[in-house]
PDB file of N, CA and C in Angstrom:
ATOM      1  N   MET A   1      56.508 -70.658  -2.098  1.00  0.00           N
ATOM      2  CA  MET A   1      57.625 -69.908  -2.620  1.00  0.00           C
ATOM      3  C   MET A   1      57.110 -68.533  -3.053  1.00  0.00           C
ATOM      4  N   VAL A   2      57.802 -67.490  -2.638  1.00  0.00           N
ATOM      5  CA  VAL A   2      57.429 -66.125  -3.001  1.00  0.00           C
ATOM      6  C   VAL A   2      57.979 -65.808  -4.387  1.00  0.00           C
ATOM      7  N   VAL A   3      57.103 -65.404  -5.264  1.00  0.00           N
ATOM      8  CA  VAL A   3      57.478 -65.017  -6.617  1.00  0.00           C
ATOM      9  C   VAL A   3      57.743 -63.511  -6.681  1.00  0.00           C
ATOM     10  N   ARG A   4      56.905 -62.748  -5.952  1.00  0.00           N
ATOM     11  CA  ARG A   4      57.045 -61.290  -5.927  1.00  0.00           C
ATOM     12  C   ARG A   4      56.582 -60.782  -4.568  1.00  0.00           C
ATOM     13  N   GLY A   5      57.302 -59.829  -4.008  1.00  0.00           N
ATOM     14  CA  GLY A   5      56.876 -59.188  -2.771  1.00  0.00           C
ATOM     15  C   GLY A   5      57.401 -59.847  -1.511  1.00  0.00           C
ATOM     16  N   ARG A   6      56.579 -59.727  -0.461  1.00  0.00           N
ATOM     17  CA  ARG A   6      56.979 -60.185   0.876  1.00  0.00           C
ATOM     18  C   ARG A   6      55.733 -60.694   1.578  1.00  0.00           C
ATOM     19  N   LEU A   7      55.874 -61.802   2.289  1.00  0.00           N
ATOM     20  CA  LEU A   7      54.748 -62.350   3.036  1.00  0.00           C
ATOM     21  C   LEU A   7      55.216 -63.034   4.307  1.00  0.00           C
ATOM     22  N   ALA A   8      54.259 -63.291   5.192  1.00  0.00           N
ATOM     23  CA  ALA A   8      54.528 -64.017   6.427  1.00  0.00           C
ATOM     24  C   ALA A   8      53.736 -65.315   6.395  1.00  0.00           C
ATOM     25  N   VAL A   9      54.369 -66.389   6.863  1.00  0.00           N
ATOM     26  CA  VAL A   9      53.713 -67.688   6.984  1.00  0.00           C
ATOM     27  C   VAL A   9      53.660 -68.019   8.467  1.00  0.00           C
ATOM     28  N   PHE A  10      52.478 -68.450   8.929  1.00  0.00           N
ATOM     29  CA  PHE A  10      52.255 -68.766  10.338  1.00  0.00           C
ATOM     30  C   PHE A  10      51.864 -70.221  10.503  1.00  0.00           C
ATOM     31  N   LEU A  11      52.344 -70.832  11.577  1.00  0.00           N
ATOM     32  CA  LEU A  11      51.875 -72.144  12.019  1.00  0.00           C
ATOM     33  C   LEU A  11      51.246 -71.948  13.384  1.00  0.00           C
ATOM     34  N   PHE A  12      50.107 -72.615  13.636  1.00  0.00           N
ATOM     35  CA  PHE A  12      49.343 -72.442  14.870  1.00  0.00           C
ATOM     36  C   PHE A  12      49.086 -73.789  15.538  1.00  0.00           C
ATOM     37  N   ASP A  13      48.818 -73.752  16.857  1.00  0.00           N
ATOM     38  CA  ASP A  13      48.346 -74.956  17.535  1.00  0.00           C
ATOM     39  C   ASP A  13      46.819 -75.001  17.434  1.00  0.00           C
ATOM     40  N   ASP A  14      46.198 -75.982  18.056  1.00  0.00           N
ATOM     41  CA  ASP A  14      44.744 -76.152  17.947  1.00  0.00           C
ATOM     42  C   ASP A  14      43.948 -75.045  18.622  1.00  0.00           C
ATOM     43  N   GLN A  15      44.573 -74.256  19.501  1.00  0.00           N
ATOM     44  CA  GLN A  15      43.883 -73.142  20.156  1.00  0.00           C
ATOM     45  C   GLN A  15      44.141 -71.809  19.457  1.00  0.00           C
ATOM     46  N   GLY A  16      44.946 -71.833  18.399  1.00  0.00           N
ATOM     47  CA  GLY A  16      45.232 -70.616  17.655  1.00  0.00           C
ATOM     48  C   GLY A  16      46.502 -69.907  18.087  1.00  0.00           C
ATOM     49  N   LYS A  17      47.232 -70.467  19.031  1.00  0.00           N
ATOM     50  CA  LYS A  17      48.494 -69.849  19.455  1.00  0.00           C
ATOM     51  C   LYS A  17      49.517 -69.972  18.327  1.00  0.00           C
ATOM     52  N   VAL A  18      50.214 -68.879  18.060  1.00  0.00           N
ATOM     53  CA  VAL A  18      51.243 -68.886  17.022  1.00  0.00           C
ATOM     54  C   VAL A  18      52.419 -69.738  17.503  1.00  0.00           C
ATOM     55  N   LEU A  19      52.722 -70.770  16.736  1.00  0.00           N
ATOM     56  CA  LEU A  19      53.872 -71.618  17.044  1.00  0.00           C
ATOM     57  C   LEU A  19      55.118 -71.161  16.297  1.00  0.00           C
ATOM     58  N   HIS A  20      54.909 -70.639  15.100  1.00  0.00           N
ATOM     59  CA  HIS A  20      56.045 -70.257  14.259  1.00  0.00           C
ATOM     60  C   HIS A  20      55.596 -69.173  13.282  1.00  0.00           C
ATOM     61  N   ARG A  21      56.455 -68.214  13.075  1.00  0.00           N
ATOM     62  CA  ARG A  21      56.222 -67.154  12.074  1.00  0.00           C
ATOM     63  C   ARG A  21      57.504 -67.023  11.271  1.00  0.00           C
ATOM     64  N   GLU A  22      57.354 -66.996   9.968  1.00  0.00           N
ATOM     65  CA  GLU A  22      58.505 -66.844   9.089  1.00  0.00           C
ATOM     66  C   GLU A  22      58.162 -65.830   8.021  1.00  0.00           C
ATOM     67  N   GLU A  23      59.043 -64.870   7.788  1.00  0.00           N
ATOM     68  CA  GLU A  23      58.836 -63.905   6.711  1.00  0.00           C
ATOM     69  C   GLU A  23      59.641 -64.344   5.502  1.00  0.00           C
ATOM     70  N   LEU A  24      58.978 -64.335   4.344  1.00  0.00           N
ATOM     71  CA  LEU A  24      59.590 -64.740   3.092  1.00  0.00           C
ATOM     72  C   LEU A  24      59.635 -63.534   2.156  1.00  0.00           C
ATOM     73  N   VAL A  25      60.745 -63.390   1.445  1.00  0.00           N
ATOM     74  CA  VAL A  25      60.935 -62.264   0.532  1.00  0.00           C
ATOM     75  C   VAL A  25      61.394 -62.803  -0.816  1.00  0.00           C
ATOM     76  N   ALA A  26      60.729 -62.380  -1.882  1.00  0.00           N
ATOM     77  CA  ALA A  26      61.137 -62.792  -3.227  1.00  0.00           C
ATOM     78  C   ALA A  26      62.594 -62.412  -3.452  1.00  0.00           C
ATOM     79  N   GLY A  27      63.403 -63.361  -3.875  1.00  0.00           N
ATOM     80  CA  GLY A  27      64.814 -63.111  -4.131  1.00  0.00           C
ATOM     81  C   GLY A  27      65.654 -63.007  -2.878  1.00  0.00           C
ATOM     82  N   GLY A  28      65.029 -63.139  -1.695  1.00  0.00           N
ATOM     83  CA  GLY A  28      65.766 -63.043  -0.438  1.00  0.00           C
ATOM     84  C   GLY A  28      66.367 -64.373  -0.036  1.00  0.00           C
ATOM     85  N   PRO A  29      67.067 -64.366   1.089  1.00  0.00           N
ATOM     86  CA  PRO A  29      67.702 -65.605   1.551  1.00  0.00           C
ATOM     87  C   PRO A  29      66.676 -66.687   1.895  1.00  0.00           C
ATOM     88  N   LEU A  30      65.499 -66.280   2.357  1.00  0.00           N
ATOM     89  CA  LEU A  30      64.423 -67.230   2.625  1.00  0.00           C
ATOM     90  C   LEU A  30      63.234 -66.825   1.769  1.00  0.00           C
ATOM     91  N   HIS A  31      62.992 -67.578   0.692  1.00  0.00           N
ATOM     92  CA  HIS A  31      61.908 -67.240  -0.227  1.00  0.00           C
ATOM     93  C   HIS A  31      60.911 -68.393  -0.407  1.00  0.00           C
ATOM     94  N   GLY A  32      61.116 -69.468   0.331  1.00  0.00           N
ATOM     95  CA  GLY A  32      60.193 -70.596   0.265  1.00  0.00           C
ATOM     96  C   GLY A  32      60.350 -71.479   1.486  1.00  0.00           C
ATOM     97  N   LEU A  33      59.317 -72.259   1.761  1.00  0.00           N
ATOM     98  CA  LEU A  33      59.383 -73.217   2.860  1.00  0.00           C
ATOM     99  C   LEU A  33      58.330 -74.284   2.659  1.00  0.00           C
ATOM    100  N   GLU A  34      58.455 -75.358   3.417  1.00  0.00           N
ATOM    101  CA  GLU A  34      57.488 -76.450   3.372  1.00  0.00           C
ATOM    102  C   GLU A  34      56.653 -76.414   4.646  1.00  0.00           C
ATOM    103  N   VAL A  35      55.341 -76.384   4.484  1.00  0.00           N
ATOM    104  CA  VAL A  35      54.419 -76.384   5.619  1.00  0.00           C
ATOM    105  C   VAL A  35      54.095 -77.839   5.947  1.00  0.00           C
ATOM    106  N   PRO A  36      54.222 -78.228   7.217  1.00  0.00           N
ATOM    107  CA  PRO A  36      53.912 -79.614   7.582  1.00  0.00           C
ATOM    108  C   PRO A  36      52.463 -79.969   7.242  1.00  0.00           C
ATOM    109  N   ALA A  37      52.247 -81.192   6.770  1.00  0.00           N
ATOM    110  CA  ALA A  37      50.901 -81.660   6.444  1.00  0.00           C
ATOM    111  C   ALA A  37      50.018 -81.618   7.691  1.00  0.00           C
ATOM    112  N   ASN A  38      48.748 -81.342   7.472  1.00  0.00           N
ATOM    113  CA  ASN A  38      47.741 -81.349   8.543  1.00  0.00           C
ATOM    114  C   ASN A  38      48.068 -80.402   9.684  1.00  0.00           C
ATOM    115  N   SER A  39      48.598 -79.236   9.344  1.00  0.00           N
ATOM    116  CA  SER A  39      48.891 -78.231  10.374  1.00  0.00           C
ATOM    117  C   SER A  39      48.064 -76.980  10.097  1.00  0.00           C
ATOM    118  N   TRP A  40      47.643 -76.303  11.175  1.00  0.00           N
ATOM    119  CA  TRP A  40      46.956 -75.018  11.010  1.00  0.00           C
ATOM    120  C   TRP A  40      47.994 -74.014  10.548  1.00  0.00           C
ATOM    121  N   HIS A  41      47.727 -73.335   9.453  1.00  0.00           N
ATOM    122  CA  HIS A  41      48.671 -72.359   8.919  1.00  0.00           C
ATOM    123  C   HIS A  41      47.925 -71.315   8.115  1.00  0.00           C
ATOM    124  N   CYS A  42      48.594 -70.193   7.885  1.00  0.00           N
ATOM    125  CA  CYS A  42      48.057 -69.177   6.983  1.00  0.00           C
ATOM    126  C   CYS A  42      49.204 -68.374   6.413  1.00  0.00           C
ATOM    127  N   VAL A  43      48.897 -67.658   5.333  1.00  0.00           N
ATOM    128  CA  VAL A  43      49.864 -66.809   4.649  1.00  0.00           C
ATOM    129  C   VAL A  43      49.267 -65.407   4.619  1.00  0.00           C
ATOM    130  N   LEU A  44      50.081 -64.417   4.961  1.00  0.00           N
ATOM    131  CA  LEU A  44      49.641 -63.023   4.971  1.00  0.00           C
ATOM    132  C   LEU A  44      50.575 -62.204   4.088  1.00  0.00           C
ATOM    133  N   ALA A  45      50.022 -61.523   3.092  1.00  0.00           N
ATOM    134  CA  ALA A  45      50.822 -60.630   2.253  1.00  0.00           C
ATOM    135  C   ALA A  45      51.227 -59.417   3.082  1.00  0.00           C
ATOM    136  N   LEU A  46      52.504 -59.101   3.075  1.00  0.00           N
ATOM    137  CA  LEU A  46      53.016 -57.944   3.804  1.00  0.00           C
ATOM    138  C   LEU A  46      53.285 -56.768   2.874  1.00  0.00           C
ATOM    139  N   GLU A  47      53.186 -57.005   1.567  1.00  0.00           N
ATOM    140  CA  GLU A  47      53.321 -55.951   0.566  1.00  0.00           C
ATOM    141  C   GLU A  47      52.218 -56.133  -0.465  1.00  0.00           C
ATOM    142  N   SER A  48      51.651 -55.024  -0.909  1.00  0.00           N
ATOM    143  CA  SER A  48      50.654 -55.069  -1.968  1.00  0.00           C
ATOM    144  C   SER A  48      51.285 -55.671  -3.223  1.00  0.00           C
ATOM    145  N   GLY A  49      50.545 -56.515  -3.912  1.00  0.00           N
ATOM    146  CA  GLY A  49      51.038 -57.125  -5.144  1.00  0.00           C
ATOM    147  C   GLY A  49      51.890 -58.356  -4.932  1.00  0.00           C
ATOM    148  N   SER A  50      52.009 -58.818  -3.698  1.00  0.00           N
ATOM    149  CA  SER A  50      52.794 -60.025  -3.435  1.00  0.00           C
ATOM    150  C   SER A  50      52.146 -61.232  -4.106  1.00  0.00           C
ATOM    151  N   VAL A  51      52.988 -62.129  -4.601  1.00  0.00           N
ATOM    152  CA  VAL A  51      52.525 -63.339  -5.287  1.00  0.00           C
ATOM    153  C   VAL A  51      53.328 -64.514  -4.742  1.00  0.00           C
ATOM    154  N   PHE A  52      52.633 -65.638  -4.467  1.00  0.00           N
ATOM    155  CA  PHE A  52      53.352 -66.838  -4.077  1.00  0.00           C
ATOM    156  C   PHE A  52      52.865 -68.031  -4.873  1.00  0.00           C
ATOM    157  N   PHE A  53      53.704 -69.035  -4.964  1.00  0.00           N
ATOM    158  CA  PHE A  53      53.427 -70.265  -5.701  1.00  0.00           C
ATOM    159  C   PHE A  53      53.344 -71.389  -4.690  1.00  0.00           C
ATOM    160  N   GLU A  54      52.228 -72.121  -4.723  1.00  0.00           N
ATOM    161  CA  GLU A  54      52.010 -73.209  -3.771  1.00  0.00           C
ATOM    162  C   GLU A  54      51.917 -74.529  -4.530  1.00  0.00           C
ATOM    163  N   VAL A  55      52.580 -75.536  -3.996  1.00  0.00           N
ATOM    164  CA  VAL A  55      52.539 -76.878  -4.566  1.00  0.00           C
ATOM    165  C   VAL A  55      52.025 -77.814  -3.483  1.00  0.00           C
ATOM    166  N   LYS A  56      51.033 -78.650  -3.843  1.00  0.00           N
ATOM    167  CA  LYS A  56      50.491 -79.636  -2.909  1.00  0.00           C
ATOM    168  C   LYS A  56      50.628 -81.020  -3.522  1.00  0.00           C
ATOM    169  N   GLN A  57      50.899 -81.974  -2.660  1.00  0.00           N
ATOM    170  CA  GLN A  57      50.972 -83.348  -3.127  1.00  0.00           C
ATOM    171  C   GLN A  57      49.572 -83.797  -3.536  1.00  0.00           C
ATOM    172  N   GLY A  58      49.460 -84.448  -4.672  1.00  0.00           N
ATOM    173  CA  GLY A  58      48.167 -84.905  -5.183  1.00  0.00           C
ATOM    174  C   GLY A  58      47.835 -86.296  -4.711  1.00  0.00           C
ATOM    175  N   PRO A  59      46.710 -86.799  -5.098  1.00  0.00           N
ATOM    176  CA  PRO A  59      45.750 -86.145  -5.974  1.00  0.00           C
ATOM    177  C   PRO A  59      44.916 -85.113  -5.217  1.00  0.00           C
ATOM    178  N   TYR A  60      44.419 -84.144  -5.943  1.00  0.00           N
ATOM    179  CA  TYR A  60      43.570 -83.103  -5.371  1.00  0.00           C
ATOM    180  C   TYR A  60      42.250 -83.715  -4.919  1.00  0.00           C
ATOM    181  N   THR A  61      41.854 -83.419  -3.686  1.00  0.00           N
ATOM    182  CA  THR A  61      40.595 -83.900  -3.131  1.00  0.00           C
ATOM    183  C   THR A  61      39.788 -82.681  -2.693  1.00  0.00           C
ATOM    184  N   PRO A  62      38.843 -82.214  -3.505  1.00  0.00           N
ATOM    185  CA  PRO A  62      38.151 -80.957  -3.213  1.00  0.00           C
ATOM    186  C   PRO A  62      37.378 -80.934  -1.905  1.00  0.00           C
ATOM    187  N   LEU A  63      36.835 -82.047  -1.442  1.00  0.00           N
ATOM    188  CA  LEU A  63      36.035 -82.033  -0.219  1.00  0.00           C
ATOM    189  C   LEU A  63      36.883 -81.957   1.043  1.00  0.00           C
ATOM    190  N   SER A  64      38.146 -82.362   0.973  1.00  0.00           N
ATOM    191  CA  SER A  64      38.978 -82.337   2.173  1.00  0.00           C
ATOM    192  C   SER A  64      40.196 -81.429   2.018  1.00  0.00           C
ATOM    193  N   ASP A  65      40.225 -80.641   0.963  1.00  0.00           N
ATOM    194  CA  ASP A  65      41.386 -79.792   0.689  1.00  0.00           C
ATOM    195  C   ASP A  65      41.564 -78.693   1.712  1.00  0.00           C
ATOM    196  N   LYS A  66      40.494 -78.162   2.249  1.00  0.00           N
ATOM    197  CA  LYS A  66      40.599 -77.031   3.166  1.00  0.00           C
ATOM    198  C   LYS A  66      39.858 -77.318   4.450  1.00  0.00           C
ATOM    199  N   GLY A  67      40.508 -77.010   5.544  1.00  0.00           N
ATOM    200  CA  GLY A  67      39.875 -77.043   6.850  1.00  0.00           C
ATOM    201  C   GLY A  67      40.034 -75.663   7.457  1.00  0.00           C
ATOM    202  N   PHE A  68      39.010 -75.165   8.087  1.00  0.00           N
ATOM    203  CA  PHE A  68      39.082 -73.829   8.656  1.00  0.00           C
ATOM    204  C   PHE A  68      39.074 -73.923  10.172  1.00  0.00           C
ATOM    205  N   ALA A  69      40.016 -73.238  10.803  1.00  0.00           N
ATOM    206  CA  ALA A  69      40.185 -73.283  12.255  1.00  0.00           C
ATOM    207  C   ALA A  69      38.994 -72.648  12.959  1.00  0.00           C
ATOM    208  N   PRO A  70      38.547 -73.252  14.060  1.00  0.00           N
ATOM    209  CA  PRO A  70      37.412 -72.704  14.797  1.00  0.00           C
ATOM    210  C   PRO A  70      37.728 -71.367  15.482  1.00  0.00           C
ATOM    211  N   TRP A  71      38.990 -71.058  15.679  1.00  0.00           N
ATOM    212  CA  TRP A  71      39.398 -69.830  16.361  1.00  0.00           C
ATOM    213  C   TRP A  71      39.652 -68.672  15.394  1.00  0.00           C
ATOM    214  N   ALA A  72      39.464 -68.904  14.096  1.00  0.00           N
ATOM    215  CA  ALA A  72      39.684 -67.848  13.094  1.00  0.00           C
ATOM    216  C   ALA A  72      38.345 -67.421  12.497  1.00  0.00           C
ATOM    217  N   PRO A  73      38.219 -66.148  12.110  1.00  0.00           N
ATOM    218  CA  PRO A  73      36.959 -65.704  11.503  1.00  0.00           C
ATOM    219  C   PRO A  73      36.755 -66.359  10.144  1.00  0.00           C
ATOM    220  N   LYS A  74      35.515 -66.547   9.795  1.00  0.00           N
ATOM    221  CA  LYS A  74      35.187 -67.068   8.476  1.00  0.00           C
ATOM    222  C   LYS A  74      35.322 -65.948   7.446  1.00  0.00           C
ATOM    223  N   GLU A  75      35.602 -66.329   6.211  1.00  0.00           N
ATOM    224  CA  GLU A  75      35.738 -65.352   5.136  1.00  0.00           C
ATOM    225  C   GLU A  75      34.494 -64.474   5.073  1.00  0.00           C
ATOM    226  N   GLY A  76      34.709 -63.160   5.066  1.00  0.00           N
ATOM    227  CA  GLY A  76      33.610 -62.220   4.991  1.00  0.00           C
ATOM    228  C   GLY A  76      33.049 -61.780   6.329  1.00  0.00           C
ATOM    229  N   ASP A  77      33.443 -62.429   7.431  1.00  0.00           N
ATOM    230  CA  ASP A  77      32.955 -62.045   8.763  1.00  0.00           C
ATOM    231  C   ASP A  77      33.506 -60.681   9.172  1.00  0.00           C
ATOM    232  N   ALA A  78      32.809 -60.060  10.107  1.00  0.00           N
ATOM    233  CA  ALA A  78      33.210 -58.740  10.597  1.00  0.00           C
ATOM    234  C   ALA A  78      34.591 -58.772  11.258  1.00  0.00           C
ATOM    235  N   GLY A  79      35.006 -59.889  11.831  1.00  0.00           N
ATOM    236  CA  GLY A  79      36.275 -59.969  12.547  1.00  0.00           C
ATOM    237  C   GLY A  79      37.497 -60.176  11.676  1.00  0.00           C
ATOM    238  N   VAL A  80      37.316 -60.285  10.359  1.00  0.00           N
ATOM    239  CA  VAL A  80      38.451 -60.560   9.473  1.00  0.00           C
ATOM    240  C   VAL A  80      39.491 -59.443   9.517  1.00  0.00           C
ATOM    241  N   ALA A  81      39.077 -58.204   9.435  1.00  0.00           N
ATOM    242  CA  ALA A  81      40.027 -57.079   9.426  1.00  0.00           C
ATOM    243  C   ALA A  81      40.833 -57.039  10.719  1.00  0.00           C
ATOM    244  N   GLU A  82      40.165 -57.254  11.863  1.00  0.00           N
ATOM    245  CA  GLU A  82      40.870 -57.271  13.147  1.00  0.00           C
ATOM    246  C   GLU A  82      41.866 -58.428  13.200  1.00  0.00           C
ATOM    247  N   PHE A  83      41.465 -59.584  12.704  1.00  0.00           N
ATOM    248  CA  PHE A  83      42.351 -60.752  12.698  1.00  0.00           C
ATOM    249  C   PHE A  83      43.575 -60.486  11.822  1.00  0.00           C
ATOM    250  N   GLN A  84      43.375 -59.894  10.651  1.00  0.00           N
ATOM    251  CA  GLN A  84      44.497 -59.583   9.769  1.00  0.00           C
ATOM    252  C   GLN A  84      45.444 -58.573  10.413  1.00  0.00           C
ATOM    253  N   GLN A  85      44.902 -57.565  11.092  1.00  0.00           N
ATOM    254  CA  GLN A  85      45.749 -56.592  11.785  1.00  0.00           C
ATOM    255  C   GLN A  85      46.553 -57.264  12.896  1.00  0.00           C
ATOM    256  N   TRP A  86      45.931 -58.196  13.598  1.00  0.00           N
ATOM    257  CA  TRP A  86      46.638 -58.948  14.641  1.00  0.00           C
ATOM    258  C   TRP A  86      47.792 -59.739  14.029  1.00  0.00           C
ATOM    259  N   LEU A  87      47.548 -60.373  12.873  1.00  0.00           N
ATOM    260  CA  LEU A  87      48.587 -61.173  12.231  1.00  0.00           C
ATOM    261  C   LEU A  87      49.817 -60.354  11.871  1.00  0.00           C
ATOM    262  N   VAL A  88      49.634 -59.098  11.478  1.00  0.00           N
ATOM    263  CA  VAL A  88      50.766 -58.257  11.074  1.00  0.00           C
ATOM    264  C   VAL A  88      51.825 -58.217  12.169  1.00  0.00           C
ATOM    265  N   GLN A  89      51.390 -58.185  13.434  1.00  0.00           N
ATOM    266  CA  GLN A  89      52.324 -58.090  14.556  1.00  0.00           C
ATOM    267  C   GLN A  89      52.512 -59.406  15.313  1.00  0.00           C
ATOM    268  N   ALA A  90      51.696 -60.423  15.036  1.00  0.00           N
ATOM    269  CA  ALA A  90      51.707 -61.666  15.815  1.00  0.00           C
ATOM    270  C   ALA A  90      53.065 -62.355  15.786  1.00  0.00           C
ATOM    271  N   GLN A  91      53.457 -62.849  16.957  1.00  0.00           N
ATOM    272  CA  GLN A  91      54.724 -63.545  17.141  1.00  0.00           C
ATOM    273  C   GLN A  91      54.466 -64.877  17.843  1.00  0.00           C
ATOM    274  N   PRO A  92      55.428 -65.806  17.798  1.00  0.00           N
ATOM    275  CA  PRO A  92      55.248 -67.079  18.499  1.00  0.00           C
ATOM    276  C   PRO A  92      54.849 -66.853  19.963  1.00  0.00           C
ATOM    277  N   GLY A  93      53.842 -67.607  20.394  1.00  0.00           N
ATOM    278  CA  GLY A  93      53.308 -67.486  21.743  1.00  0.00           C
ATOM    279  C   GLY A  93      52.048 -66.642  21.825  1.00  0.00           C
ATOM    280  N   ASP A  94      51.784 -65.810  20.811  1.00  0.00           N
ATOM    281  CA  ASP A  94      50.589 -64.956  20.814  1.00  0.00           C
ATOM    282  C   ASP A  94      49.341 -65.765  20.486  1.00  0.00           C
ATOM    283  N   LEU A  95      48.214 -65.347  21.103  1.00  0.00           N
ATOM    284  CA  LEU A  95      46.912 -65.947  20.827  1.00  0.00           C
ATOM    285  C   LEU A  95      46.074 -64.960  20.037  1.00  0.00           C
ATOM    286  N   PRO A  96      45.180 -65.459  19.162  1.00  0.00           N
ATOM    287  CA  PRO A  96      44.356 -64.552  18.358  1.00  0.00           C
ATOM    288  C   PRO A  96      43.379 -63.767  19.216  1.00  0.00           C
ATOM    289  N   PRO A  97      42.919 -62.629  18.697  1.00  0.00           N
ATOM    290  CA  PRO A  97      41.937 -61.836  19.450  1.00  0.00           C
ATOM    291  C   PRO A  97      40.646 -62.619  19.589  1.00  0.00           C
ATOM    292  N   LEU A  98      39.907 -62.330  20.644  1.00  0.00           N
ATOM    293  CA  LEU A  98      38.605 -62.977  20.834  1.00  0.00           C
ATOM    294  C   LEU A  98      37.661 -62.490  19.751  1.00  0.00           C
ATOM    295  N   LEU A  99      37.000 -63.412  19.124  1.00  0.00           N
ATOM    296  CA  LEU A  99      36.109 -63.048  18.018  1.00  0.00           C
ATOM    297  C   LEU A  99      34.685 -62.958  18.491  1.00  0.00           C
TER     298      LEU A  99
END
């Protein structure tokens, strides 16, 4: 749920192809959604200062809470900026840039 600002939520297949993109706006007609369990997804802030609230079904399991897609750059890698720029324009059917 978006508390402030605007963001995009993406769902991907196992190869990184965008299956779904939804833009959420605080106070807008679509300001929250439910992400299917065990799906590749990410959230991208489209405005500086955007804030969202995430709720996960418990109990919290720290060792299995996060899985990182093999087709996405790791945090801090050189390809992160390019990947984020790709996400700004990415639409269903698009594949991520080669890393």
